[in-house]
Amino acid sequence: MTGAIQVDTAADDTRVTLSFGANDEVTYAALTPADAKTIATALDQAAARAETADSVEEPTNE
């Protein structure tokens, strides 16, 4: 399934709208700028941990 993530700001920059999902179901979240920053930081940190874990090779029994 292919999905999409979209981030928009309100005309007055007081809200950030986050939407994600696929054609059959899309979830929307209206966030304050502070909440959006908190989510962005958490996603960035989780992605960095996942990337690090993915690059660590399993030890071999040679």
C-alpha atoms as a PDB file:
ATOM      1  CA  MET A   1       0.000   0.000   0.000  1.00  0.00           C
ATOM      2  CA  THR A   2       1.354   3.398  -0.950  1.00  0.00           C
ATOM      3  CA  GLY A   3       0.636   6.216   1.426  1.00  0.00           C
ATOM      4  CA  ALA A   4       1.305   9.886   1.644  1.00  0.00           C
ATOM      5  CA  ILE A   5       2.194  12.411   4.311  1.00  0.00           C
ATOM      6  CA  GLN A   6       1.260  16.058   3.911  1.00  0.00           C
ATOM      7  CA  VAL A   7       1.986  19.020   6.177  1.00  0.00           C
ATOM      8  CA  ASP A   8       0.337  22.411   5.720  1.00  0.00           C
ATOM      9  CA  THR A   9       0.086  25.594   7.754  1.00  0.00           C
ATOM     10  CA  ALA A  10      -2.964  27.751   8.238  1.00  0.00           C
ATOM     11  CA  ALA A  11      -3.029  31.112   6.489  1.00  0.00           C
ATOM     12  CA  ASP A  12      -2.290  32.871   9.773  1.00  0.00           C
ATOM     13  CA  ASP A  13       0.416  30.323  10.782  1.00  0.00           C
ATOM     14  CA  THR A  14      -1.397  29.460  14.014  1.00  0.00           C
ATOM     15  CA  ARG A  15      -2.084  25.813  13.104  1.00  0.00           C
ATOM     16  CA  VAL A  16      -0.209  23.018  11.403  1.00  0.00           C
ATOM     17  CA  THR A  17      -2.269  20.360   9.655  1.00  0.00           C
ATOM     18  CA  LEU A  18      -0.739  16.906   9.377  1.00  0.00           C
ATOM     19  CA  SER A  19      -2.420  14.344   7.154  1.00  0.00           C
ATOM     20  CA  PHE A  20      -1.310  10.827   6.379  1.00  0.00           C
ATOM     21  CA  GLY A  21      -2.744   7.696   4.875  1.00  0.00           C
ATOM     22  CA  ALA A  22      -3.778   6.283   1.531  1.00  0.00           C
ATOM     23  CA  ASN A  23      -6.676   6.899  -0.814  1.00  0.00           C
ATOM     24  CA  ASP A  24      -9.069   4.719   1.156  1.00  0.00           C
ATOM     25  CA  GLU A  25      -8.375   6.295   4.553  1.00  0.00           C
ATOM     26  CA  VAL A  26      -6.666   9.552   5.503  1.00  0.00           C
ATOM     27  CA  THR A  27      -6.091  10.759   9.046  1.00  0.00           C
ATOM     28  CA  TYR A  28      -5.908  14.481   9.795  1.00  0.00           C
ATOM     29  CA  ALA A  29      -4.472  16.227  12.846  1.00  0.00           C
ATOM     30  CA  ALA A  30      -4.688  19.954  13.577  1.00  0.00           C
ATOM     31  CA  LEU A  31      -1.688  20.853  15.717  1.00  0.00           C
ATOM     32  CA  THR A  32      -0.351  23.892  17.465  1.00  0.00           C
ATOM     33  CA  PRO A  33       3.119  24.907  16.297  1.00  0.00           C
ATOM     34  CA  ALA A  34       4.539  23.601  19.601  1.00  0.00           C
ATOM     35  CA  ASP A  35       2.822  20.221  19.169  1.00  0.00           C
ATOM     36  CA  ALA A  36       4.056  19.995  15.574  1.00  0.00           C
ATOM     37  CA  LYS A  37       7.611  20.675  16.733  1.00  0.00           C
ATOM     38  CA  THR A  38       7.323  18.019  19.460  1.00  0.00           C
ATOM     39  CA  ILE A  39       6.107  15.437  16.942  1.00  0.00           C
ATOM     40  CA  ALA A  40       8.825  16.389  14.439  1.00  0.00           C
ATOM     41  CA  THR A  41      11.518  16.022  17.107  1.00  0.00           C
ATOM     42  CA  ALA A  42      10.170  12.643  18.219  1.00  0.00           C
ATOM     43  CA  LEU A  43      10.033  11.379  14.620  1.00  0.00           C
ATOM     44  CA  ASP A  44      13.552  12.621  13.941  1.00  0.00           C
ATOM     45  CA  GLN A  45      14.924  10.898  17.052  1.00  0.00           C
ATOM     46  CA  ALA A  46      13.089   7.639  16.301  1.00  0.00           C
ATOM     47  CA  ALA A  47      14.332   7.658  12.701  1.00  0.00           C
ATOM     48  CA  ALA A  48      17.917   8.222  13.867  1.00  0.00           C
ATOM     49  CA  ARG A  49      17.653   5.299  16.328  1.00  0.00           C
ATOM     50  CA  ALA A  50      16.147   3.050  13.657  1.00  0.00           C
ATOM     51  CA  GLU A  51      18.830   4.026  11.173  1.00  0.00           C
ATOM     52  CA  THR A  52      21.546   3.278  13.718  1.00  0.00           C
ATOM     53  CA  ALA A  53      19.986  -0.064  14.625  1.00  0.00           C
ATOM     54  CA  ASP A  54      19.680  -0.956  10.942  1.00  0.00           C
ATOM     55  CA  SER A  55      23.366  -0.237  10.321  1.00  0.00           C
ATOM     56  CA  VAL A  56      24.599  -2.390  13.202  1.00  0.00           C
ATOM     57  CA  GLU A  57      25.463  -5.809  11.866  1.00  0.00           C
ATOM     58  CA  GLU A  58      24.679  -8.961  13.771  1.00  0.00           C
ATOM     59  CA  PRO A  59      27.799 -10.708  15.093  1.00  0.00           C
ATOM     60  CA  THR A  60      28.697 -13.885  13.254  1.00  0.00           C
ATOM     61  CA  ASN A  61      29.961 -17.097  14.787  1.00  0.00           C
ATOM     62  CA  GLU A  62      32.998 -17.573  12.609  1.00  0.00           C
END
